Structures are given as structure tokens and as C-alpha cells.
Amino acid sequence: DLVIAFMCLHDFDDMSAAVAEAARILTPGGRFAVALHHPFVTAKFAGTYLAEQRYTLTVQNNDASMTYEGTHRPLSAYSRALTAAGLIIETIREPAKDRAGQQAAPFLDLLAVAS
């Protein structure tokens, strides 16, 4: 049993409710895999690390622009939501440089297990 939240939890107004719903539908031993922007990245958009803060980011590329909106949350907000939903955090992977010294994409991967 697997639920995946790929690059979306920062878009939910009530992220804790979304995590709780993922936990509700998992069978015992099921996995909830989460990938999201690392909070250090979204903190730059929000102007804060510790507080939850909405942000808007507009990216210009030649004649086109796109506007993104989301909510910055510190890592503790995600871990609290996972554990409050009865999930056990199994793995946290953060971006790191590869063998050639290249920076990996600035994403954070979490894997939680239903108890």
C-alpha cells in the first residue's frame, strides 16, 4: 500500500488534513512517500524559516512569466503532521552534492510508515 505526495503538500491550505487523509487510507505497514521543496528554499520566498508563511514567486523567461503560490513550512511542521496522523518517519533525504560536486535538486524526500 503506497500513497505518494509529489511536490504538492506546500500547496495545501490544510496540509495536516491532507496528511491525515493519506494515513487514514493506508493499511498497517503501508508507506507514505513525500517529495517537496526543501524548506530552506521556500524560506527564501517567504522571508522566514520558522513560521508558516504564504509566498508568491513570479519567474520571468523571455516574454513569458509564471506565478507560483505556496506555503512555506519548516521541516518540523511536516514531521508534526506525519506523527500526529499516526505515521512513523522512516527516512528523510536531503539534497547533497554528487561525486562530481554537482548540487542535487533542492528537494526533500520523506518516507513514513503506517503503524
PDB file of N, CA and C in Angstrom:
ATOM      1  N   ASP A   1       0.847  -1.172   0.000  1.00  0.00           N
ATOM      2  CA  ASP A   1       0.000   0.000   0.000  1.00  0.00           C
ATOM      3  C   ASP A   1       0.893   1.236   0.000  1.00  0.00           C
ATOM      4  N   LEU A   2       0.639   2.152  -0.898  1.00  0.00           N
ATOM      5  CA  LEU A   2       1.504   3.317  -1.062  1.00  0.00           C
ATOM      6  C   LEU A   2       0.678   4.540  -1.415  1.00  0.00           C
ATOM      7  N   VAL A   3       0.964   5.642  -0.740  1.00  0.00           N
ATOM      8  CA  VAL A   3       0.407   6.946  -1.093  1.00  0.00           C
ATOM      9  C   VAL A   3       1.597   7.843  -1.400  1.00  0.00           C
ATOM     10  N   ILE A   4       1.517   8.599  -2.493  1.00  0.00           N
ATOM     11  CA  ILE A   4       2.599   9.492  -2.885  1.00  0.00           C
ATOM     12  C   ILE A   4       2.072  10.921  -2.920  1.00  0.00           C
ATOM     13  N   ALA A   5       2.827  11.834  -2.313  1.00  0.00           N
ATOM     14  CA  ALA A   5       2.545  13.271  -2.393  1.00  0.00           C
ATOM     15  C   ALA A   5       3.799  13.902  -3.001  1.00  0.00           C
ATOM     16  N   PHE A   6       3.769  14.148  -4.307  1.00  0.00           N
ATOM     17  CA  PHE A   6       4.933  14.668  -5.012  1.00  0.00           C
ATOM     18  C   PHE A   6       4.744  16.151  -5.291  1.00  0.00           C
ATOM     19  N   MET A   7       5.545  16.975  -4.631  1.00  0.00           N
ATOM     20  CA  MET A   7       5.589  18.419  -4.860  1.00  0.00           C
ATOM     21  C   MET A   7       4.213  19.071  -4.718  1.00  0.00           C
ATOM     22  N   CYS A   8       3.454  18.670  -3.696  1.00  0.00           N
ATOM     23  CA  CYS A   8       2.119  19.257  -3.547  1.00  0.00           C
ATOM     24  C   CYS A   8       1.761  19.664  -2.127  1.00  0.00           C
ATOM     25  N   LEU A   9       2.397  19.121  -1.103  1.00  0.00           N
ATOM     26  CA  LEU A   9       1.971  19.444   0.266  1.00  0.00           C
ATOM     27  C   LEU A   9       2.115  20.925   0.584  1.00  0.00           C
ATOM     28  N   HIS A  10       3.042  21.612  -0.056  1.00  0.00           N
ATOM     29  CA  HIS A  10       3.189  23.052   0.169  1.00  0.00           C
ATOM     30  C   HIS A  10       2.048  23.839  -0.479  1.00  0.00           C
ATOM     31  N   ASP A  11       1.239  23.179  -1.304  1.00  0.00           N
ATOM     32  CA  ASP A  11       0.110  23.843  -1.957  1.00  0.00           C
ATOM     33  C   ASP A  11      -1.194  23.725  -1.163  1.00  0.00           C
ATOM     34  N   PHE A  12      -1.257  22.824  -0.210  1.00  0.00           N
ATOM     35  CA  PHE A  12      -2.484  22.612   0.559  1.00  0.00           C
ATOM     36  C   PHE A  12      -2.615  23.657   1.656  1.00  0.00           C
ATOM     37  N   ASP A  13      -3.794  24.270   1.746  1.00  0.00           N
ATOM     38  CA  ASP A  13      -4.036  25.201   2.850  1.00  0.00           C
ATOM     39  C   ASP A  13      -4.009  24.452   4.176  1.00  0.00           C
ATOM     40  N   ASP A  14      -4.611  23.255   4.203  1.00  0.00           N
ATOM     41  CA  ASP A  14      -4.634  22.447   5.426  1.00  0.00           C
ATOM     42  C   ASP A  14      -3.808  21.187   5.187  1.00  0.00           C
ATOM     43  N   MET A  15      -2.492  21.372   5.229  1.00  0.00           N
ATOM     44  CA  MET A  15      -1.574  20.276   4.953  1.00  0.00           C
ATOM     45  C   MET A  15      -1.762  19.124   5.939  1.00  0.00           C
ATOM     46  N   SER A  16      -2.009  19.436   7.207  1.00  0.00           N
ATOM     47  CA  SER A  16      -2.192  18.389   8.215  1.00  0.00           C
ATOM     48  C   SER A  16      -3.389  17.501   7.890  1.00  0.00           C
ATOM     49  N   ALA A  17      -4.458  18.086   7.378  1.00  0.00           N
ATOM     50  CA  ALA A  17      -5.630  17.289   7.000  1.00  0.00           C
ATOM     51  C   ALA A  17      -5.313  16.380   5.816  1.00  0.00           C
ATOM     52  N   ALA A  18      -4.518  16.868   4.869  1.00  0.00           N
ATOM     53  CA  ALA A  18      -4.127  16.040   3.722  1.00  0.00           C
ATOM     54  C   ALA A  18      -3.277  14.858   4.183  1.00  0.00           C
ATOM     55  N   VAL A  19      -2.351  15.101   5.099  1.00  0.00           N
ATOM     56  CA  VAL A  19      -1.510  14.019   5.634  1.00  0.00           C
ATOM     57  C   VAL A  19      -2.366  13.024   6.414  1.00  0.00           C
ATOM     58  N   ALA A  20      -3.304  13.533   7.211  1.00  0.00           N
ATOM     59  CA  ALA A  20      -4.185  12.647   7.981  1.00  0.00           C
ATOM     60  C   ALA A  20      -5.019  11.760   7.061  1.00  0.00           C
ATOM     61  N   GLU A  21      -5.474  12.310   5.935  1.00  0.00           N
ATOM     62  CA  GLU A  21      -6.260  11.515   4.983  1.00  0.00           C
ATOM     63  C   GLU A  21      -5.380  10.443   4.334  1.00  0.00           C
ATOM     64  N   ALA A  22      -4.143  10.783   4.001  1.00  0.00           N
ATOM     65  CA  ALA A  22      -3.226   9.774   3.455  1.00  0.00           C
ATOM     66  C   ALA A  22      -3.016   8.650   4.463  1.00  0.00           C
ATOM     67  N   ALA A  23      -2.831   9.003   5.722  1.00  0.00           N
ATOM     68  CA  ALA A  23      -2.631   7.989   6.766  1.00  0.00           C
ATOM     69  C   ALA A  23      -3.884   7.135   6.958  1.00  0.00           C
ATOM     70  N   ARG A  24      -5.047   7.760   6.846  1.00  0.00           N
ATOM     71  CA  ARG A  24      -6.310   7.039   7.053  1.00  0.00           C
ATOM     72  C   ARG A  24      -6.499   5.918   6.048  1.00  0.00           C
ATOM     73  N   ILE A  25      -6.105   6.149   4.805  1.00  0.00           N
ATOM     74  CA  ILE A  25      -6.366   5.132   3.777  1.00  0.00           C
ATOM     75  C   ILE A  25      -5.263   4.081   3.682  1.00  0.00           C
ATOM     76  N   LEU A  26      -4.158   4.291   4.385  1.00  0.00           N
ATOM     77  CA  LEU A  26      -3.074   3.294   4.356  1.00  0.00           C
ATOM     78  C   LEU A  26      -3.395   2.108   5.244  1.00  0.00           C
ATOM     79  N   THR A  27      -3.024   0.930   4.782  1.00  0.00           N
ATOM     80  CA  THR A  27      -3.118  -0.245   5.635  1.00  0.00           C
ATOM     81  C   THR A  27      -1.887  -0.279   6.534  1.00  0.00           C
ATOM     82  N   PRO A  28      -1.937  -0.998   7.655  1.00  0.00           N
ATOM     83  CA  PRO A  28      -0.747  -1.091   8.520  1.00  0.00           C
ATOM     84  C   PRO A  28       0.468  -1.558   7.714  1.00  0.00           C
ATOM     85  N   GLY A  29       1.582  -0.861   7.893  1.00  0.00           N
ATOM     86  CA  GLY A  29       2.797  -1.171   7.152  1.00  0.00           C
ATOM     87  C   GLY A  29       2.878  -0.477   5.806  1.00  0.00           C
ATOM     88  N   GLY A  30       1.801   0.199   5.391  1.00  0.00           N
ATOM     89  CA  GLY A  30       1.809   0.939   4.132  1.00  0.00           C
ATOM     90  C   GLY A  30       2.736   2.141   4.228  1.00  0.00           C
ATOM     91  N   ARG A  31       3.148   2.653   3.092  1.00  0.00           N
ATOM     92  CA  ARG A  31       4.116   3.746   3.041  1.00  0.00           C
ATOM     93  C   ARG A  31       3.478   5.016   2.477  1.00  0.00           C
ATOM     94  N   PHE A  32       3.927   6.145   3.010  1.00  0.00           N
ATOM     95  CA  PHE A  32       3.546   7.459   2.508  1.00  0.00           C
ATOM     96  C   PHE A  32       4.833   8.145   2.081  1.00  0.00           C
ATOM     97  N   ALA A  33       5.013   8.298   0.780  1.00  0.00           N
ATOM     98  CA  ALA A  33       6.222   8.910   0.231  1.00  0.00           C
ATOM     99  C   ALA A  33       5.917  10.366  -0.114  1.00  0.00           C
ATOM    100  N   VAL A  34       6.767  11.271   0.376  1.00  0.00           N
ATOM    101  CA  VAL A  34       6.566  12.706   0.180  1.00  0.00           C
ATOM    102  C   VAL A  34       7.823  13.299  -0.439  1.00  0.00           C
ATOM    103  N   ALA A  35       7.650  14.110  -1.467  1.00  0.00           N
ATOM    104  CA  ALA A  35       8.746  14.909  -2.025  1.00  0.00           C
ATOM    105  C   ALA A  35       8.249  16.345  -2.064  1.00  0.00           C
ATOM    106  N   LEU A  36       9.083  17.265  -1.604  1.00  0.00           N
ATOM    107  CA  LEU A  36       8.699  18.669  -1.583  1.00  0.00           C
ATOM    108  C   LEU A  36       9.929  19.543  -1.680  1.00  0.00           C
ATOM    109  N   HIS A  37       9.693  20.827  -1.968  1.00  0.00           N
ATOM    110  CA  HIS A  37      10.808  21.764  -1.953  1.00  0.00           C
ATOM    111  C   HIS A  37      11.393  21.774  -0.554  1.00  0.00           C
ATOM    112  N   HIS A  38      12.707  21.785  -0.455  1.00  0.00           N
ATOM    113  CA  HIS A  38      13.328  21.862   0.859  1.00  0.00           C
ATOM    114  C   HIS A  38      12.917  23.174   1.518  1.00  0.00           C
ATOM    115  N   PRO A  39      12.583  23.156   2.813  1.00  0.00           N
ATOM    116  CA  PRO A  39      12.165  24.392   3.476  1.00  0.00           C
ATOM    117  C   PRO A  39      13.195  25.527   3.418  1.00  0.00           C
ATOM    118  N   PHE A  40      14.470  25.225   3.268  1.00  0.00           N
ATOM    119  CA  PHE A  40      15.445  26.303   3.112  1.00  0.00           C
ATOM    120  C   PHE A  40      15.217  27.059   1.802  1.00  0.00           C
ATOM    121  N   VAL A  41      14.702  26.366   0.791  1.00  0.00           N
ATOM    122  CA  VAL A  41      14.398  27.008  -0.483  1.00  0.00           C
ATOM    123  C   VAL A  41      13.164  27.891  -0.348  1.00  0.00           C
ATOM    124  N   THR A  42      12.093  27.337   0.208  1.00  0.00           N
ATOM    125  CA  THR A  42      10.862  28.119   0.307  1.00  0.00           C
ATOM    126  C   THR A  42      10.988  29.251   1.323  1.00  0.00           C
ATOM    127  N   ALA A  43      11.890  29.121   2.289  1.00  0.00           N
ATOM    128  CA  ALA A  43      12.112  30.211   3.251  1.00  0.00           C
ATOM    129  C   ALA A  43      12.607  31.465   2.537  1.00  0.00           C
ATOM    130  N   LYS A  44      13.359  31.292   1.467  1.00  0.00           N
ATOM    131  CA  LYS A  44      13.829  32.444   0.688  1.00  0.00           C
ATOM    132  C   LYS A  44      12.652  33.198   0.070  1.00  0.00           C
ATOM    133  N   PHE A  45      11.628  32.467  -0.348  1.00  0.00           N
ATOM    134  CA  PHE A  45      10.453  33.100  -0.941  1.00  0.00           C
ATOM    135  C   PHE A  45       9.578  33.755   0.124  1.00  0.00           C
ATOM    136  N   ALA A  46       9.522  33.124   1.304  1.00  0.00           N
ATOM    137  CA  ALA A  46       8.627  33.578   2.365  1.00  0.00           C
ATOM    138  C   ALA A  46       9.261  34.612   3.290  1.00  0.00           C
ATOM    139  N   GLY A  47      10.600  34.660   3.322  1.00  0.00           N
ATOM    140  CA  GLY A  47      11.273  35.605   4.193  1.00  0.00           C
ATOM    141  C   GLY A  47      11.400  35.147   5.632  1.00  0.00           C
ATOM    142  N   THR A  48      11.094  33.873   5.886  1.00  0.00           N
ATOM    143  CA  THR A  48      11.189  33.331   7.240  1.00  0.00           C
ATOM    144  C   THR A  48      11.439  31.831   7.142  1.00  0.00           C
ATOM    145  N   TYR A  49      12.037  31.241   8.181  1.00  0.00           N
ATOM    146  CA  TYR A  49      12.159  29.789   8.199  1.00  0.00           C
ATOM    147  C   TYR A  49      11.176  29.174   9.189  1.00  0.00           C
ATOM    148  N   LEU A  50      11.111  29.705  10.393  1.00  0.00           N
ATOM    149  CA  LEU A  50      10.371  29.037  11.466  1.00  0.00           C
ATOM    150  C   LEU A  50       8.854  29.185  11.385  1.00  0.00           C
ATOM    151  N   ALA A  51       8.356  30.225  10.767  1.00  0.00           N
ATOM    152  CA  ALA A  51       6.915  30.453  10.723  1.00  0.00           C
ATOM    153  C   ALA A  51       6.332  29.980   9.394  1.00  0.00           C
ATOM    154  N   GLU A  52       5.092  29.467   9.458  1.00  0.00           N
ATOM    155  CA  GLU A  52       4.385  29.171   8.212  1.00  0.00           C
ATOM    156  C   GLU A  52       4.016  30.493   7.567  1.00  0.00           C
ATOM    157  N   GLN A  53       4.287  30.598   6.273  1.00  0.00           N
ATOM    158  CA  GLN A  53       4.071  31.867   5.586  1.00  0.00           C
ATOM    159  C   GLN A  53       3.726  31.599   4.130  1.00  0.00           C
ATOM    160  N   ARG A  54       2.655  32.191   3.629  1.00  0.00           N
ATOM    161  CA  ARG A  54       2.321  32.105   2.211  1.00  0.00           C
ATOM    162  C   ARG A  54       3.351  32.878   1.409  1.00  0.00           C
ATOM    163  N   TYR A  55       3.609  32.433   0.192  1.00  0.00           N
ATOM    164  CA  TYR A  55       4.528  33.156  -0.680  1.00  0.00           C
ATOM    165  C   TYR A  55       4.006  33.135  -2.111  1.00  0.00           C
ATOM    166  N   THR A  56       4.450  34.118  -2.868  1.00  0.00           N
ATOM    167  CA  THR A  56       4.180  34.208  -4.295  1.00  0.00           C
ATOM    168  C   THR A  56       5.511  34.433  -4.984  1.00  0.00           C
ATOM    169  N   LEU A  57       5.768  33.673  -6.023  1.00  0.00           N
ATOM    170  CA  LEU A  57       7.018  33.777  -6.767  1.00  0.00           C
ATOM    171  C   LEU A  57       6.675  33.885  -8.246  1.00  0.00           C
ATOM    172  N   THR A  58       7.160  34.934  -8.882  1.00  0.00           N
ATOM    173  CA  THR A  58       6.960  35.104 -10.321  1.00  0.00           C
ATOM    174  C   THR A  58       8.297  34.898 -11.022  1.00  0.00           C
ATOM    175  N   VAL A  59       8.299  34.023 -12.011  1.00  0.00           N
ATOM    176  CA  VAL A  59       9.500  33.703 -12.781  1.00  0.00           C
ATOM    177  C   VAL A  59       9.309  34.232 -14.196  1.00  0.00           C
ATOM    178  N   GLN A  60      10.262  35.009 -14.643  1.00  0.00           N
ATOM    179  CA  GLN A  60      10.213  35.587 -15.993  1.00  0.00           C
ATOM    180  C   GLN A  60      11.200  34.836 -16.881  1.00  0.00           C
ATOM    181  N   ASN A  61      10.755  34.434 -18.066  1.00  0.00           N
ATOM    182  CA  ASN A  61      11.612  33.766 -19.037  1.00  0.00           C
ATOM    183  C   ASN A  61      11.294  34.351 -20.403  1.00  0.00           C
ATOM    184  N   ASN A  62      12.167  35.224 -20.876  1.00  0.00           N
ATOM    185  CA  ASN A  62      11.930  35.955 -22.126  1.00  0.00           C
ATOM    186  C   ASN A  62      10.611  36.711 -22.039  1.00  0.00           C
ATOM    187  N   ASP A  63       9.677  36.398 -22.920  1.00  0.00           N
ATOM    188  CA  ASP A  63       8.401  37.119 -22.930  1.00  0.00           C
ATOM    189  C   ASP A  63       7.328  36.468 -22.059  1.00  0.00           C
ATOM    190  N   ALA A  64       7.629  35.344 -21.459  1.00  0.00           N
ATOM    191  CA  ALA A  64       6.633  34.620 -20.667  1.00  0.00           C
ATOM    192  C   ALA A  64       6.956  34.718 -19.179  1.00  0.00           C
ATOM    193  N   SER A  65       5.927  34.743 -18.385  1.00  0.00           N
ATOM    194  CA  SER A  65       6.125  34.702 -16.937  1.00  0.00           C
ATOM    195  C   SER A  65       5.121  33.740 -16.331  1.00  0.00           C
ATOM    196  N   MET A  66       5.513  33.137 -15.220  1.00  0.00           N
ATOM    197  CA  MET A  66       4.638  32.240 -14.478  1.00  0.00           C
ATOM    198  C   MET A  66       4.690  32.657 -13.022  1.00  0.00           C
ATOM    199  N   THR A  67       3.544  32.614 -12.371  1.00  0.00           N
ATOM    200  CA  THR A  67       3.468  32.951 -10.956  1.00  0.00           C
ATOM    201  C   THR A  67       3.085  31.701 -10.181  1.00  0.00           C
ATOM    202  N   TYR A  68       3.865  31.407  -9.159  1.00  0.00           N
ATOM    203  CA  TYR A  68       3.641  30.258  -8.287  1.00  0.00           C
ATOM    204  C   TYR A  68       3.248  30.765  -6.910  1.00  0.00           C
ATOM    205  N   GLU A  69       2.319  30.085  -6.280  1.00  0.00           N
ATOM    206  CA  GLU A  69       1.944  30.390  -4.909  1.00  0.00           C
ATOM    207  C   GLU A  69       2.071  29.128  -4.088  1.00  0.00           C
ATOM    208  N   GLY A  70       2.424  29.277  -2.840  1.00  0.00           N
ATOM    209  CA  GLY A  70       2.555  28.130  -1.959  1.00  0.00           C
ATOM    210  C   GLY A  70       2.649  28.595  -0.524  1.00  0.00           C
ATOM    211  N   THR A  71       2.875  27.655   0.359  1.00  0.00           N
ATOM    212  CA  THR A  71       3.051  27.958   1.772  1.00  0.00           C
ATOM    213  C   THR A  71       4.377  27.388   2.220  1.00  0.00           C
ATOM    214  N   HIS A  72       5.227  28.258   2.736  1.00  0.00           N
ATOM    215  CA  HIS A  72       6.468  27.783   3.341  1.00  0.00           C
ATOM    216  C   HIS A  72       6.117  27.204   4.710  1.00  0.00           C
ATOM    217  N   ARG A  73       6.693  26.057   4.994  1.00  0.00           N
ATOM    218  CA  ARG A  73       6.568  25.443   6.315  1.00  0.00           C
ATOM    219  C   ARG A  73       7.932  24.899   6.706  1.00  0.00           C
ATOM    220  N   PRO A  74       8.317  25.054   7.968  1.00  0.00           N
ATOM    221  CA  PRO A  74       9.584  24.442   8.393  1.00  0.00           C
ATOM    222  C   PRO A  74       9.436  22.917   8.418  1.00  0.00           C
ATOM    223  N   LEU A  75      10.542  22.231   8.428  1.00  0.00           N
ATOM    224  CA  LEU A  75      10.541  20.768   8.461  1.00  0.00           C
ATOM    225  C   LEU A  75       9.722  20.244   9.642  1.00  0.00           C
ATOM    226  N   SER A  76       9.759  20.946  10.764  1.00  0.00           N
ATOM    227  CA  SER A  76       9.014  20.497  11.948  1.00  0.00           C
ATOM    228  C   SER A  76       7.504  20.461  11.694  1.00  0.00           C
ATOM    229  N   ALA A  77       6.974  21.326  10.848  1.00  0.00           N
ATOM    230  CA  ALA A  77       5.536  21.299  10.546  1.00  0.00           C
ATOM    231  C   ALA A  77       5.165  20.007   9.822  1.00  0.00           C
ATOM    232  N   TYR A  78       6.004  19.578   8.897  1.00  0.00           N
ATOM    233  CA  TYR A  78       5.736  18.327   8.181  1.00  0.00           C
ATOM    234  C   TYR A  78       5.885  17.127   9.111  1.00  0.00           C
ATOM    235  N   SER A  79       6.927  17.131   9.941  1.00  0.00           N
ATOM    236  CA  SER A  79       7.126  15.990  10.848  1.00  0.00           C
ATOM    237  C   SER A  79       6.005  15.914  11.878  1.00  0.00           C
ATOM    238  N   ARG A  80       5.524  17.070  12.374  1.00  0.00           N
ATOM    239  CA  ARG A  80       4.395  17.060  13.312  1.00  0.00           C
ATOM    240  C   ARG A  80       3.144  16.498  12.652  1.00  0.00           C
ATOM    241  N   ALA A  81       2.883  16.881  11.407  1.00  0.00           N
ATOM    242  CA  ALA A  81       1.699  16.382  10.698  1.00  0.00           C
ATOM    243  C   ALA A  81       1.780  14.870  10.498  1.00  0.00           C
ATOM    244  N   LEU A  82       2.943  14.377  10.134  1.00  0.00           N
ATOM    245  CA  LEU A  82       3.110  12.930   9.921  1.00  0.00           C
ATOM    246  C   LEU A  82       2.900  12.155  11.214  1.00  0.00           C
ATOM    247  N   THR A  83       3.535  12.588  12.285  1.00  0.00           N
ATOM    248  CA  THR A  83       3.413  11.854  13.550  1.00  0.00           C
ATOM    249  C   THR A  83       2.026  12.016  14.168  1.00  0.00           C
ATOM    250  N   ALA A  84       1.399  13.189  14.019  1.00  0.00           N
ATOM    251  CA  ALA A  84       0.043  13.386  14.538  1.00  0.00           C
ATOM    252  C   ALA A  84      -0.943  12.470  13.832  1.00  0.00           C
ATOM    253  N   ALA A  85      -0.658  12.114  12.584  1.00  0.00           N
ATOM    254  CA  ALA A  85      -1.523  11.210  11.817  1.00  0.00           C
ATOM    255  C   ALA A  85      -1.238   9.747  12.132  1.00  0.00           C
ATOM    256  N   GLY A  86      -0.310   9.505  13.064  1.00  0.00           N
ATOM    257  CA  GLY A  86      -0.010   8.127  13.451  1.00  0.00           C
ATOM    258  C   GLY A  86       1.029   7.451  12.581  1.00  0.00           C
ATOM    259  N   LEU A  87       1.723   8.218  11.756  1.00  0.00           N
ATOM    260  CA  LEU A  87       2.764   7.659  10.890  1.00  0.00           C
ATOM    261  C   LEU A  87       4.113   7.716  11.594  1.00  0.00           C
ATOM    262  N   ILE A  88       4.982   6.827  11.218  1.00  0.00           N
ATOM    263  CA  ILE A  88       6.344   6.775  11.748  1.00  0.00           C
ATOM    264  C   ILE A  88       7.284   7.174  10.621  1.00  0.00           C
ATOM    265  N   ILE A  89       8.104   8.198  10.857  1.00  0.00           N
ATOM    266  CA  ILE A  89       9.048   8.646   9.830  1.00  0.00           C
ATOM    267  C   ILE A  89      10.176   7.630   9.730  1.00  0.00           C
ATOM    268  N   GLU A  90      10.321   7.056   8.554  1.00  0.00           N
ATOM    269  CA  GLU A  90      11.322   6.021   8.324  1.00  0.00           C
ATOM    270  C   GLU A  90      12.598   6.601   7.712  1.00  0.00           C
ATOM    271  N   THR A  91      12.449   7.549   6.789  1.00  0.00           N
ATOM    272  CA  THR A  91      13.599   8.098   6.074  1.00  0.00           C
ATOM    273  C   THR A  91      13.374   9.570   5.785  1.00  0.00           C
ATOM    274  N   ILE A  92      14.449  10.362   5.929  1.00  0.00           N
ATOM    275  CA  ILE A  92      14.471  11.750   5.469  1.00  0.00           C
ATOM    276  C   ILE A  92      15.722  11.886   4.609  1.00  0.00           C
ATOM    277  N   ARG A  93      15.538  12.292   3.355  1.00  0.00           N
ATOM    278  CA  ARG A  93      16.684  12.506   2.468  1.00  0.00           C
ATOM    279  C   ARG A  93      16.699  13.961   2.036  1.00  0.00           C
ATOM    280  N   GLU A  94      17.840  14.597   2.221  1.00  0.00           N
ATOM    281  CA  GLU A  94      18.001  15.993   1.833  1.00  0.00           C
ATOM    282  C   GLU A  94      18.952  16.079   0.658  1.00  0.00           C
ATOM    283  N   PRO A  95      18.915  17.201  -0.059  1.00  0.00           N
ATOM    284  CA  PRO A  95      19.813  17.327  -1.220  1.00  0.00           C
ATOM    285  C   PRO A  95      21.272  17.315  -0.794  1.00  0.00           C
ATOM    286  N   ALA A  96      22.095  16.737  -1.619  1.00  0.00           N
ATOM    287  CA  ALA A  96      23.532  16.672  -1.354  1.00  0.00           C
ATOM    288  C   ALA A  96      24.274  16.754  -2.679  1.00  0.00           C
ATOM    289  N   LYS A  97      25.546  17.033  -2.608  1.00  0.00           N
ATOM    290  CA  LYS A  97      26.351  17.056  -3.831  1.00  0.00           C
ATOM    291  C   LYS A  97      26.683  15.629  -4.252  1.00  0.00           C
ATOM    292  N   ASP A  98      26.727  15.412  -5.564  1.00  0.00           N
ATOM    293  CA  ASP A  98      27.094  14.096  -6.064  1.00  0.00           C
ATOM    294  C   ASP A  98      28.621  13.969  -6.106  1.00  0.00           C
ATOM    295  N   ARG A  99      29.107  12.870  -6.618  1.00  0.00           N
ATOM    296  CA  ARG A  99      30.553  12.616  -6.644  1.00  0.00           C
ATOM    297  C   ARG A  99      31.323  13.651  -7.454  1.00  0.00           C
ATOM    298  N   ALA A 100      30.677  14.251  -8.439  1.00  0.00           N
ATOM    299  CA  ALA A 100      31.330  15.268  -9.259  1.00  0.00           C
ATOM    300  C   ALA A 100      31.235  16.657  -8.633  1.00  0.00           C
ATOM    301  N   GLY A 101      30.621  16.733  -7.445  1.00  0.00           N
ATOM    302  CA  GLY A 101      30.498  18.011  -6.766  1.00  0.00           C
ATOM    303  C   GLY A 101      29.318  18.840  -7.209  1.00  0.00           C
ATOM    304  N   GLN A 102      28.437  18.248  -8.034  1.00  0.00           N
ATOM    305  CA  GLN A 102      27.253  18.962  -8.510  1.00  0.00           C
ATOM    306  C   GLN A 102      26.155  18.908  -7.446  1.00  0.00           C
ATOM    307  N   GLN A 103      25.496  20.047  -7.237  1.00  0.00           N
ATOM    308  CA  GLN A 103      24.407  20.112  -6.268  1.00  0.00           C
ATOM    309  C   GLN A 103      23.184  19.379  -6.806  1.00  0.00           C
ATOM    310  N   ALA A 104      22.598  18.546  -5.979  1.00  0.00           N
ATOM    311  CA  ALA A 104      21.372  17.843  -6.353  1.00  0.00           C
ATOM    312  C   ALA A 104      20.206  18.831  -6.347  1.00  0.00           C
ATOM    313  N   ALA A 105      19.110  18.427  -6.948  1.00  0.00           N
ATOM    314  CA  ALA A 105      17.909  19.273  -6.933  1.00  0.00           C
ATOM    315  C   ALA A 105      17.512  19.554  -5.487  1.00  0.00           C
ATOM    316  N   PRO A 106      17.019  20.767  -5.194  1.00  0.00           N
ATOM    317  CA  PRO A 106      16.749  21.151  -3.808  1.00  0.00           C
ATOM    318  C   PRO A 106      15.424  20.599  -3.267  1.00  0.00           C
ATOM    319  N   PHE A 107      15.295  19.288  -3.300  1.00  0.00           N
ATOM    320  CA  PHE A 107      14.079  18.657  -2.819  1.00  0.00           C
ATOM    321  C   PHE A 107      14.377  17.887  -1.542  1.00  0.00           C
ATOM    322  N   LEU A 108      13.330  17.668  -0.785  1.00  0.00           N
ATOM    323  CA  LEU A 108      13.406  16.893   0.441  1.00  0.00           C
ATOM    324  C   LEU A 108      12.488  15.695   0.243  1.00  0.00           C
ATOM    325  N   ASP A 109      12.967  14.502   0.528  1.00  0.00           N
ATOM    326  CA  ASP A 109      12.158  13.287   0.420  1.00  0.00           C
ATOM    327  C   ASP A 109      11.910  12.748   1.821  1.00  0.00           C
ATOM    328  N   LEU A 110      10.666  12.429   2.107  1.00  0.00           N
ATOM    329  CA  LEU A 110      10.288  11.822   3.380  1.00  0.00           C
ATOM    330  C   LEU A 110       9.580  10.506   3.088  1.00  0.00           C
ATOM    331  N   LEU A 111       9.842   9.507   3.882  1.00  0.00           N
ATOM    332  CA  LEU A 111       9.117   8.245   3.778  1.00  0.00           C
ATOM    333  C   LEU A 111       8.611   7.901   5.162  1.00  0.00           C
ATOM    334  N   ALA A 112       7.293   7.758   5.272  1.00  0.00           N
ATOM    335  CA  ALA A 112       6.681   7.431   6.555  1.00  0.00           C
ATOM    336  C   ALA A 112       5.936   6.114   6.411  1.00  0.00           C
ATOM    337  N   VAL A 113       5.801   5.404   7.536  1.00  0.00           N
ATOM    338  CA  VAL A 113       5.172   4.088   7.557  1.00  0.00           C
ATOM    339  C   VAL A 113       3.953   4.136   8.469  1.00  0.00           C
ATOM    340  N   ALA A 114       2.863   3.544   8.009  1.00  0.00           N
ATOM    341  CA  ALA A 114       1.660   3.447   8.844  1.00  0.00           C
ATOM    342  C   ALA A 114       1.869   2.383   9.902  1.00  0.00           C
ATOM    343  N   SER A 115       1.504   2.708  11.121  1.00  0.00           N
ATOM    344  CA  SER A 115       1.686   1.746  12.216  1.00  0.00           C
ATOM    345  C   SER A 115       0.497   0.815  12.336  1.00  0.00           C
TER     346      SER A 115
END
